[in-house]
Amino acid sequence: EEEAEKQSLPEQMPHHLIERVDPVRLLVRRGFVPNMRTDAMVFATQRLAKLLFQEMKHSSWGPMLPALKQVANVAGIPGIVGYSLGMPDIHCGYGFAIGNVCAVDASDPDAVVSPGGVGFDINCGIRLLRTNLKESDILPHKQELASALFKNIPVGTVSWGGIQLEEREVTTLMKD
């Protein structure tokens, strides 16, 4: 049975720093892209791995990087703990690959939390906001605040929200 599994694995990895750990995991070793602080682990069957490797081979490496390169780039985030992980739904995204997750050590003063890691590309209800409020200021109003945020911040892929802008107004906002 073990021999059959080995024979079903891709014969050649596209890069010497990518290796198959077992039938469902690929290890992307530190050094695949510059500045990796840790390795990346991608959950990928042989079929998915083939698609990921084709994406790497045929990608222009423009603004939308191949998912494997994105997972490797996330492995360079300051404060990362453990692997940068690629889940079985992995595909290229904006910064993070879709299906790419990582943990960071919040006690590390250099650690970062990236909105790109929580789905800002389709809005997913995520916003990053800095405030001078303390947790004790917000706790008594938590439910009211959550309801107001949900009501006033459009989420998902809908094309409407609380503020309607013409294309020229969006262009002006982007320039300013």
N, C-alpha and C. Protein backbone atom coordinates (compact mmCIF):
# COMPACT_ATOMS: atom_id res chain seq x y z
N GLU A 1 0.83 -1.20 0.00
CA GLU A 1 0.00 0.00 0.00
C GLU A 1 0.87 1.26 0.00
N GLU A 2 1.93 1.28 0.82
CA GLU A 2 2.82 2.43 0.87
C GLU A 2 3.49 2.66 -0.48
N GLU A 3 3.89 1.58 -1.15
CA GLU A 3 4.51 1.69 -2.46
C GLU A 3 3.54 2.30 -3.47
N ALA A 4 2.26 1.89 -3.41
CA ALA A 4 1.24 2.43 -4.32
C ALA A 4 1.08 3.93 -4.10
N GLU A 5 1.12 4.37 -2.83
CA GLU A 5 1.01 5.80 -2.54
C GLU A 5 2.18 6.55 -3.14
N LYS A 6 3.39 6.04 -2.99
CA LYS A 6 4.57 6.70 -3.54
C LYS A 6 4.48 6.82 -5.05
N GLN A 7 3.99 5.78 -5.71
CA GLN A 7 3.89 5.80 -7.17
C GLN A 7 2.84 6.79 -7.66
N SER A 8 1.84 7.10 -6.82
CA SER A 8 0.79 8.02 -7.25
C SER A 8 1.19 9.48 -7.03
N LEU A 9 2.31 9.73 -6.35
CA LEU A 9 2.74 11.10 -6.09
C LEU A 9 3.41 11.68 -7.33
N PRO A 10 3.37 13.02 -7.47
CA PRO A 10 4.05 13.62 -8.61
C PRO A 10 5.52 13.19 -8.62
N GLU A 11 6.03 12.89 -9.80
CA GLU A 11 7.41 12.41 -9.89
C GLU A 11 8.42 13.51 -9.63
N GLN A 12 8.09 14.74 -10.04
CA GLN A 12 9.06 15.81 -9.89
C GLN A 12 8.37 17.07 -9.38
N MET A 13 8.90 17.61 -8.32
CA MET A 13 8.38 18.86 -7.79
C MET A 13 8.94 19.98 -8.66
N PRO A 14 8.21 21.10 -8.76
CA PRO A 14 8.67 22.19 -9.63
C PRO A 14 9.85 22.98 -9.05
N HIS A 15 10.20 22.72 -7.81
CA HIS A 15 11.27 23.46 -7.16
C HIS A 15 11.89 22.57 -6.09
N HIS A 16 13.19 22.67 -5.90
CA HIS A 16 13.87 21.79 -4.93
C HIS A 16 13.47 22.06 -3.48
N LEU A 17 12.82 23.20 -3.20
CA LEU A 17 12.39 23.51 -1.85
C LEU A 17 10.92 23.17 -1.59
N ILE A 18 10.30 22.47 -2.53
CA ILE A 18 8.94 21.95 -2.32
C ILE A 18 9.04 20.44 -2.30
N GLU A 19 8.47 19.83 -1.26
CA GLU A 19 8.50 18.37 -1.20
C GLU A 19 7.16 17.84 -0.72
N ARG A 20 6.85 16.65 -1.16
CA ARG A 20 5.63 15.99 -0.73
C ARG A 20 5.93 15.28 0.58
N VAL A 21 5.15 15.59 1.62
CA VAL A 21 5.31 14.98 2.93
C VAL A 21 4.56 13.65 2.98
N ASP A 22 3.34 13.67 2.44
CA ASP A 22 2.49 12.49 2.38
C ASP A 22 1.46 12.73 1.28
N PRO A 23 0.53 11.83 1.06
CA PRO A 23 -0.40 12.01 -0.06
C PRO A 23 -1.25 13.27 -0.03
N VAL A 24 -1.34 13.95 1.10
CA VAL A 24 -2.19 15.14 1.15
C VAL A 24 -1.47 16.41 1.62
N ARG A 25 -0.15 16.38 1.77
CA ARG A 25 0.56 17.58 2.25
C ARG A 25 1.82 17.85 1.45
N LEU A 26 2.03 19.14 1.15
CA LEU A 26 3.26 19.63 0.53
C LEU A 26 3.96 20.53 1.54
N LEU A 27 5.27 20.39 1.65
CA LEU A 27 6.07 21.27 2.49
C LEU A 27 6.82 22.22 1.57
N VAL A 28 6.66 23.52 1.83
CA VAL A 28 7.40 24.55 1.10
C VAL A 28 8.44 25.08 2.07
N ARG A 29 9.68 24.75 1.81
CA ARG A 29 10.76 25.06 2.74
C ARG A 29 11.19 26.53 2.67
N ARG A 30 11.65 26.98 3.84
CA ARG A 30 12.20 28.32 3.96
C ARG A 30 13.25 28.53 2.87
N GLY A 31 13.17 29.67 2.21
CA GLY A 31 14.09 29.97 1.12
C GLY A 31 13.42 29.92 -0.25
N PHE A 32 12.21 29.36 -0.32
CA PHE A 32 11.48 29.32 -1.59
C PHE A 32 11.27 30.74 -2.13
N VAL A 33 10.95 31.67 -1.22
CA VAL A 33 10.93 33.10 -1.55
C VAL A 33 11.79 33.78 -0.48
N PRO A 34 12.32 34.96 -0.79
CA PRO A 34 13.13 35.67 0.21
C PRO A 34 12.32 35.99 1.47
N ASN A 35 13.01 36.09 2.58
CA ASN A 35 12.46 36.57 3.86
C ASN A 35 11.49 35.62 4.55
N MET A 36 11.42 34.36 4.15
CA MET A 36 10.55 33.42 4.87
C MET A 36 11.12 33.21 6.27
N ARG A 37 10.30 33.33 7.28
CA ARG A 37 10.72 33.12 8.67
C ARG A 37 10.46 31.69 9.12
N THR A 38 9.63 30.98 8.36
CA THR A 38 9.26 29.62 8.70
C THR A 38 8.90 28.89 7.41
N ASP A 39 8.64 27.60 7.51
CA ASP A 39 8.19 26.82 6.36
C ASP A 39 6.69 27.02 6.17
N ALA A 40 6.21 26.59 5.02
CA ALA A 40 4.76 26.60 4.74
C ALA A 40 4.32 25.15 4.52
N MET A 41 3.11 24.85 4.93
CA MET A 41 2.52 23.53 4.73
C MET A 41 1.23 23.73 3.95
N VAL A 42 1.09 23.00 2.84
CA VAL A 42 -0.09 23.12 2.00
C VAL A 42 -0.78 21.77 1.95
N PHE A 43 -2.06 21.76 2.27
CA PHE A 43 -2.85 20.53 2.20
C PHE A 43 -3.33 20.39 0.77
N ALA A 44 -2.71 19.47 0.03
CA ALA A 44 -3.02 19.34 -1.40
C ALA A 44 -2.87 17.90 -1.85
N THR A 45 -3.94 17.37 -2.40
CA THR A 45 -3.88 16.06 -3.03
C THR A 45 -3.00 16.16 -4.27
N GLN A 46 -2.72 15.05 -4.89
CA GLN A 46 -1.92 15.06 -6.12
C GLN A 46 -2.61 15.91 -7.18
N ARG A 47 -3.91 15.81 -7.27
CA ARG A 47 -4.66 16.57 -8.28
C ARG A 47 -4.54 18.07 -8.04
N LEU A 48 -4.73 18.51 -6.78
CA LEU A 48 -4.61 19.93 -6.47
C LEU A 48 -3.17 20.39 -6.66
N ALA A 49 -2.20 19.58 -6.23
CA ALA A 49 -0.80 19.95 -6.40
C ALA A 49 -0.48 20.19 -7.87
N LYS A 50 -1.00 19.34 -8.74
CA LYS A 50 -0.77 19.50 -10.18
C LYS A 50 -1.28 20.87 -10.65
N LEU A 51 -2.47 21.26 -10.18
CA LEU A 51 -3.02 22.57 -10.55
C LEU A 51 -2.16 23.71 -10.00
N LEU A 52 -1.70 23.57 -8.76
CA LEU A 52 -0.85 24.61 -8.17
C LEU A 52 0.47 24.74 -8.93
N PHE A 53 1.04 23.61 -9.33
CA PHE A 53 2.30 23.63 -10.08
C PHE A 53 2.09 24.24 -11.47
N GLN A 54 0.96 23.94 -12.10
CA GLN A 54 0.66 24.53 -13.41
C GLN A 54 0.50 26.04 -13.28
N GLU A 55 -0.14 26.48 -12.21
CA GLU A 55 -0.31 27.91 -11.97
C GLU A 55 1.06 28.58 -11.85
N MET A 56 1.98 27.95 -11.15
CA MET A 56 3.33 28.51 -11.01
C MET A 56 4.04 28.57 -12.36
N LYS A 57 3.91 27.53 -13.13
CA LYS A 57 4.61 27.44 -14.42
C LYS A 57 4.08 28.47 -15.41
N HIS A 58 2.78 28.70 -15.41
CA HIS A 58 2.16 29.55 -16.42
C HIS A 58 1.86 30.96 -15.94
N SER A 59 2.21 31.27 -14.72
CA SER A 59 1.92 32.58 -14.16
C SER A 59 2.92 33.60 -14.69
N SER A 60 2.42 34.82 -14.89
CA SER A 60 3.32 35.90 -15.31
C SER A 60 3.99 36.54 -14.09
N TRP A 61 3.63 36.10 -12.90
CA TRP A 61 4.13 36.65 -11.64
C TRP A 61 3.84 38.15 -11.57
N GLY A 62 2.68 38.54 -12.10
CA GLY A 62 2.24 39.93 -12.05
C GLY A 62 1.63 40.23 -10.70
N PRO A 63 0.61 41.08 -10.67
CA PRO A 63 0.02 41.45 -9.38
C PRO A 63 -0.66 40.28 -8.66
N MET A 64 -1.14 39.29 -9.40
CA MET A 64 -1.75 38.11 -8.78
C MET A 64 -0.72 36.98 -8.79
N LEU A 65 -0.04 36.81 -7.69
CA LEU A 65 0.99 35.78 -7.60
C LEU A 65 0.37 34.39 -7.49
N PRO A 66 1.10 33.36 -7.91
CA PRO A 66 0.59 31.99 -7.72
C PRO A 66 0.38 31.71 -6.24
N ALA A 67 -0.61 30.89 -5.94
CA ALA A 67 -0.97 30.59 -4.55
C ALA A 67 0.20 30.07 -3.74
N LEU A 68 1.04 29.20 -4.31
CA LEU A 68 2.18 28.68 -3.55
C LEU A 68 3.15 29.79 -3.16
N LYS A 69 3.37 30.74 -4.05
CA LYS A 69 4.24 31.85 -3.72
C LYS A 69 3.60 32.73 -2.64
N GLN A 70 2.27 32.92 -2.71
CA GLN A 70 1.59 33.72 -1.70
C GLN A 70 1.70 33.06 -0.32
N VAL A 71 1.52 31.74 -0.26
CA VAL A 71 1.64 31.02 1.02
C VAL A 71 3.06 31.18 1.56
N ALA A 72 4.05 31.12 0.67
CA ALA A 72 5.44 31.30 1.09
C ALA A 72 5.68 32.73 1.58
N ASN A 73 5.10 33.71 0.90
CA ASN A 73 5.27 35.11 1.35
C ASN A 73 4.67 35.32 2.73
N VAL A 74 3.54 34.69 3.02
CA VAL A 74 2.92 34.81 4.34
C VAL A 74 3.84 34.24 5.41
N ALA A 75 4.66 33.26 5.05
CA ALA A 75 5.62 32.68 6.00
C ALA A 75 6.68 33.70 6.42
N GLY A 76 6.70 34.86 5.79
CA GLY A 76 7.62 35.93 6.16
C GLY A 76 7.01 37.01 7.03
N ILE A 77 5.76 36.86 7.42
CA ILE A 77 5.10 37.88 8.24
C ILE A 77 5.75 37.94 9.62
N PRO A 78 6.12 39.15 10.07
CA PRO A 78 6.71 39.27 11.40
C PRO A 78 5.78 38.72 12.48
N GLY A 79 6.33 37.92 13.37
CA GLY A 79 5.57 37.36 14.48
C GLY A 79 4.89 36.04 14.18
N ILE A 80 5.05 35.50 12.96
CA ILE A 80 4.37 34.25 12.60
C ILE A 80 4.79 33.13 13.56
N VAL A 81 3.84 32.29 13.90
CA VAL A 81 4.08 31.15 14.79
C VAL A 81 3.74 29.89 14.00
N GLY A 82 4.66 28.97 13.91
CA GLY A 82 4.41 27.73 13.17
C GLY A 82 4.42 27.97 11.67
N TYR A 83 3.72 27.10 10.97
CA TYR A 83 3.68 27.18 9.51
C TYR A 83 2.73 28.27 9.00
N SER A 84 3.01 28.74 7.79
CA SER A 84 1.99 29.38 6.97
C SER A 84 1.25 28.21 6.35
N LEU A 85 -0.07 28.16 6.50
CA LEU A 85 -0.84 26.99 6.08
C LEU A 85 -1.71 27.30 4.87
N GLY A 86 -1.71 26.38 3.91
CA GLY A 86 -2.59 26.45 2.76
C GLY A 86 -3.63 25.35 2.90
N MET A 87 -4.89 25.72 3.02
CA MET A 87 -5.98 24.76 3.18
C MET A 87 -6.37 24.16 1.82
N PRO A 88 -7.17 23.09 1.82
CA PRO A 88 -7.52 22.41 0.57
C PRO A 88 -8.28 23.26 -0.45
N ASP A 89 -8.79 24.44 -0.05
CA ASP A 89 -9.48 25.31 -1.00
C ASP A 89 -8.55 26.38 -1.57
N ILE A 90 -7.26 26.21 -1.40
CA ILE A 90 -6.28 27.22 -1.78
C ILE A 90 -6.37 27.61 -3.26
N HIS A 91 -6.30 28.93 -3.48
CA HIS A 91 -6.13 29.49 -4.81
C HIS A 91 -5.66 30.93 -4.63
N CYS A 92 -5.12 31.52 -5.70
CA CYS A 92 -4.49 32.83 -5.55
C CYS A 92 -5.51 33.87 -5.11
N GLY A 93 -5.03 34.79 -4.29
CA GLY A 93 -5.87 35.86 -3.76
C GLY A 93 -5.14 37.18 -3.87
N TYR A 94 -5.46 38.11 -2.99
CA TYR A 94 -4.82 39.42 -2.96
C TYR A 94 -3.90 39.47 -1.75
N GLY A 95 -2.63 39.20 -1.94
CA GLY A 95 -1.69 39.15 -0.82
C GLY A 95 -1.62 37.76 -0.24
N PHE A 96 -2.56 37.42 0.62
CA PHE A 96 -2.72 36.04 1.10
C PHE A 96 -3.40 35.26 -0.02
N ALA A 97 -3.04 34.00 -0.14
CA ALA A 97 -3.84 33.12 -1.01
C ALA A 97 -5.18 32.90 -0.33
N ILE A 98 -6.22 32.66 -1.10
CA ILE A 98 -7.50 32.26 -0.52
C ILE A 98 -7.25 30.88 0.09
N GLY A 99 -7.68 30.68 1.33
CA GLY A 99 -7.42 29.41 2.01
C GLY A 99 -6.08 29.38 2.71
N ASN A 100 -5.40 30.52 2.82
CA ASN A 100 -4.10 30.62 3.48
C ASN A 100 -4.33 31.21 4.87
N VAL A 101 -3.81 30.56 5.90
CA VAL A 101 -3.95 31.05 7.27
C VAL A 101 -2.61 31.01 7.98
N CYS A 102 -2.49 31.83 8.99
CA CYS A 102 -1.30 31.78 9.85
C CYS A 102 -1.68 32.33 11.22
N ALA A 103 -0.87 31.99 12.20
CA ALA A 103 -1.04 32.55 13.54
C ALA A 103 0.15 33.45 13.82
N VAL A 104 -0.08 34.51 14.56
CA VAL A 104 1.00 35.39 14.98
C VAL A 104 0.99 35.51 16.50
N ASP A 105 2.15 35.75 17.05
CA ASP A 105 2.31 35.92 18.48
C ASP A 105 1.99 37.38 18.83
N ALA A 106 0.84 37.61 19.42
CA ALA A 106 0.41 38.97 19.74
C ALA A 106 1.33 39.66 20.74
N SER A 107 2.12 38.88 21.49
CA SER A 107 3.04 39.51 22.46
C SER A 107 4.34 39.95 21.79
N ASP A 108 4.55 39.58 20.55
CA ASP A 108 5.74 40.00 19.79
C ASP A 108 5.51 41.43 19.31
N PRO A 109 6.32 42.39 19.73
CA PRO A 109 6.08 43.78 19.33
C PRO A 109 6.23 44.01 17.83
N ASP A 110 6.88 43.10 17.11
CA ASP A 110 7.04 43.24 15.67
C ASP A 110 5.94 42.51 14.89
N ALA A 111 5.09 41.76 15.58
CA ALA A 111 4.06 40.97 14.90
C ALA A 111 3.05 41.88 14.20
N VAL A 112 2.52 41.39 13.10
CA VAL A 112 1.51 42.14 12.35
C VAL A 112 0.27 41.29 12.16
N VAL A 113 -0.86 41.96 12.05
CA VAL A 113 -2.10 41.31 11.66
C VAL A 113 -2.48 41.95 10.33
N SER A 114 -2.65 41.15 9.31
CA SER A 114 -2.92 41.66 7.98
C SER A 114 -4.39 41.51 7.61
N PRO A 115 -5.05 42.62 7.22
CA PRO A 115 -6.43 42.49 6.75
C PRO A 115 -6.54 41.53 5.56
N GLY A 116 -5.47 41.41 4.79
CA GLY A 116 -5.46 40.49 3.65
C GLY A 116 -5.61 39.04 4.08
N GLY A 117 -5.36 38.76 5.33
CA GLY A 117 -5.50 37.41 5.84
C GLY A 117 -6.91 37.07 6.28
N VAL A 118 -7.80 38.04 6.24
CA VAL A 118 -9.16 37.78 6.71
C VAL A 118 -10.21 38.13 5.67
N GLY A 119 -9.81 38.24 4.42
CA GLY A 119 -10.79 38.34 3.36
C GLY A 119 -11.23 39.73 2.96
N PHE A 120 -10.34 40.70 2.98
CA PHE A 120 -10.76 42.04 2.58
C PHE A 120 -11.11 42.12 1.11
N ASP A 121 -10.68 41.14 0.31
CA ASP A 121 -10.93 41.22 -1.13
C ASP A 121 -12.40 41.12 -1.47
N ILE A 122 -13.19 40.35 -0.73
CA ILE A 122 -14.64 40.32 -0.96
C ILE A 122 -15.39 40.91 0.22
N ASN A 123 -14.68 41.56 1.08
CA ASN A 123 -15.21 42.33 2.20
C ASN A 123 -15.55 41.49 3.42
N CYS A 124 -15.91 40.30 3.34
CA CYS A 124 -16.09 39.35 4.45
C CYS A 124 -16.46 39.97 5.80
N GLY A 125 -16.95 41.18 5.83
CA GLY A 125 -17.35 41.80 7.09
C GLY A 125 -16.17 42.21 7.95
N ILE A 126 -15.00 42.30 7.39
CA ILE A 126 -13.80 42.59 8.17
C ILE A 126 -13.34 44.02 7.91
N ARG A 127 -13.04 44.70 8.95
CA ARG A 127 -12.47 46.04 8.87
C ARG A 127 -11.39 46.17 9.92
N LEU A 128 -10.33 46.87 9.59
CA LEU A 128 -9.27 47.16 10.55
C LEU A 128 -9.43 48.61 10.96
N LEU A 129 -9.50 48.84 12.22
CA LEU A 129 -9.77 50.17 12.74
C LEU A 129 -8.91 50.41 13.97
N ARG A 130 -8.27 51.55 14.02
CA ARG A 130 -7.50 51.92 15.20
C ARG A 130 -8.33 52.91 16.01
N THR A 131 -8.34 52.70 17.29
CA THR A 131 -9.09 53.59 18.16
C THR A 131 -8.34 53.77 19.48
N ASN A 132 -8.65 54.84 20.18
CA ASN A 132 -8.07 55.06 21.50
C ASN A 132 -8.95 54.47 22.60
N LEU A 133 -10.09 53.89 22.20
CA LEU A 133 -10.97 53.28 23.19
C LEU A 133 -10.32 52.04 23.80
N LYS A 134 -10.63 51.81 25.05
CA LYS A 134 -10.15 50.60 25.73
C LYS A 134 -11.28 49.57 25.75
N GLU A 135 -10.94 48.32 25.97
CA GLU A 135 -11.95 47.27 26.02
C GLU A 135 -13.03 47.61 27.05
N SER A 136 -12.62 48.17 28.19
CA SER A 136 -13.59 48.51 29.24
C SER A 136 -14.58 49.59 28.77
N ASP A 137 -14.18 50.45 27.81
CA ASP A 137 -15.07 51.46 27.26
C ASP A 137 -16.14 50.84 26.36
N ILE A 138 -15.76 49.76 25.67
CA ILE A 138 -16.62 49.16 24.66
C ILE A 138 -17.54 48.08 25.22
N LEU A 139 -17.06 47.31 26.19
CA LEU A 139 -17.83 46.16 26.69
C LEU A 139 -19.28 46.47 27.05
N PRO A 140 -19.56 47.57 27.75
CA PRO A 140 -20.97 47.84 28.09
C PRO A 140 -21.85 48.09 26.86
N HIS A 141 -21.25 48.40 25.72
CA HIS A 141 -21.99 48.76 24.50
C HIS A 141 -21.73 47.76 23.37
N LYS A 142 -21.19 46.60 23.71
CA LYS A 142 -20.75 45.65 22.70
C LYS A 142 -21.86 45.25 21.73
N GLN A 143 -23.01 44.88 22.22
CA GLN A 143 -24.11 44.43 21.35
C GLN A 143 -24.61 45.57 20.46
N GLU A 144 -24.79 46.73 21.05
CA GLU A 144 -25.26 47.89 20.30
C GLU A 144 -24.25 48.27 19.21
N LEU A 145 -22.97 48.26 19.55
CA LEU A 145 -21.92 48.58 18.59
C LEU A 145 -21.87 47.56 17.46
N ALA A 146 -21.94 46.28 17.79
CA ALA A 146 -21.91 45.23 16.77
C ALA A 146 -23.09 45.38 15.82
N SER A 147 -24.28 45.66 16.36
CA SER A 147 -25.47 45.84 15.51
C SER A 147 -25.32 47.04 14.59
N ALA A 148 -24.79 48.13 15.11
CA ALA A 148 -24.61 49.34 14.30
C ALA A 148 -23.58 49.10 13.19
N LEU A 149 -22.49 48.41 13.51
CA LEU A 149 -21.48 48.11 12.50
C LEU A 149 -22.06 47.21 11.40
N PHE A 150 -22.77 46.18 11.80
CA PHE A 150 -23.36 45.26 10.84
C PHE A 150 -24.36 45.97 9.93
N LYS A 151 -25.14 46.88 10.51
CA LYS A 151 -26.15 47.61 9.74
C LYS A 151 -25.52 48.57 8.74
N ASN A 152 -24.39 49.17 9.09
CA ASN A 152 -23.82 50.26 8.29
C ASN A 152 -22.63 49.89 7.41
N ILE A 153 -22.12 48.69 7.55
CA ILE A 153 -20.97 48.28 6.72
C ILE A 153 -21.43 47.17 5.78
N PRO A 154 -21.45 47.45 4.48
CA PRO A 154 -21.85 46.39 3.55
C PRO A 154 -20.84 45.25 3.57
N VAL A 155 -21.34 44.04 3.42
CA VAL A 155 -20.46 42.86 3.42
C VAL A 155 -20.79 41.99 2.21
N GLY A 156 -19.83 41.14 1.86
CA GLY A 156 -20.04 40.21 0.76
C GLY A 156 -19.81 40.87 -0.57
N THR A 157 -20.42 40.30 -1.59
CA THR A 157 -20.17 40.77 -2.95
C THR A 157 -21.30 41.62 -3.50
N VAL A 158 -22.20 42.07 -2.63
CA VAL A 158 -23.30 42.91 -3.10
C VAL A 158 -22.75 44.24 -3.59
N SER A 159 -23.48 44.89 -4.48
CA SER A 159 -22.97 46.14 -5.07
C SER A 159 -23.64 47.36 -4.47
N TRP A 160 -24.31 47.21 -3.36
CA TRP A 160 -24.96 48.36 -2.76
C TRP A 160 -24.51 48.51 -1.32
N GLY A 161 -24.70 49.69 -0.78
CA GLY A 161 -24.34 49.96 0.60
C GLY A 161 -25.02 51.23 1.05
N GLY A 162 -24.60 51.74 2.17
CA GLY A 162 -25.22 52.94 2.72
C GLY A 162 -24.89 54.20 1.95
N ILE A 163 -23.78 54.20 1.23
CA ILE A 163 -23.36 55.38 0.49
C ILE A 163 -23.31 55.01 -0.99
N GLN A 164 -24.01 55.76 -1.82
CA GLN A 164 -24.00 55.53 -3.27
C GLN A 164 -23.09 56.57 -3.91
N LEU A 165 -22.09 56.12 -4.66
CA LEU A 165 -21.16 57.03 -5.32
C LEU A 165 -21.18 56.80 -6.82
N GLU A 166 -21.04 57.88 -7.55
CA GLU A 166 -20.87 57.79 -9.00
C GLU A 166 -19.41 57.43 -9.27
N GLU A 167 -19.13 56.91 -10.46
CA GLU A 167 -17.77 56.50 -10.81
C GLU A 167 -16.78 57.66 -10.67
N ARG A 168 -17.20 58.87 -11.09
CA ARG A 168 -16.29 60.02 -11.00
C ARG A 168 -15.99 60.37 -9.53
N GLU A 169 -16.97 60.14 -8.63
CA GLU A 169 -16.75 60.42 -7.21
C GLU A 169 -15.76 59.41 -6.61
N VAL A 170 -15.87 58.16 -7.03
CA VAL A 170 -14.92 57.15 -6.58
C VAL A 170 -13.51 57.52 -7.07
N THR A 171 -13.41 57.94 -8.32
CA THR A 171 -12.11 58.33 -8.88
C THR A 171 -11.52 59.50 -8.11
N THR A 172 -12.35 60.49 -7.77
CA THR A 172 -11.89 61.65 -6.99
C THR A 172 -11.41 61.19 -5.61
N LEU A 173 -12.16 60.32 -4.96
CA LEU A 173 -11.76 59.81 -3.64
C LEU A 173 -10.43 59.07 -3.71
N MET A 174 -10.25 58.29 -4.75
CA MET A 174 -9.01 57.52 -4.89
C MET A 174 -7.81 58.43 -5.11
N LYS A 175 -8.01 59.54 -5.82
CA LYS A 175 -6.93 60.49 -6.08
C LYS A 175 -6.58 61.28 -4.84
N ASP A 176 -7.63 61.64 -4.07
CA ASP A 176 -7.41 62.43 -2.86
C ASP A 176 -6.86 61.56 -1.79
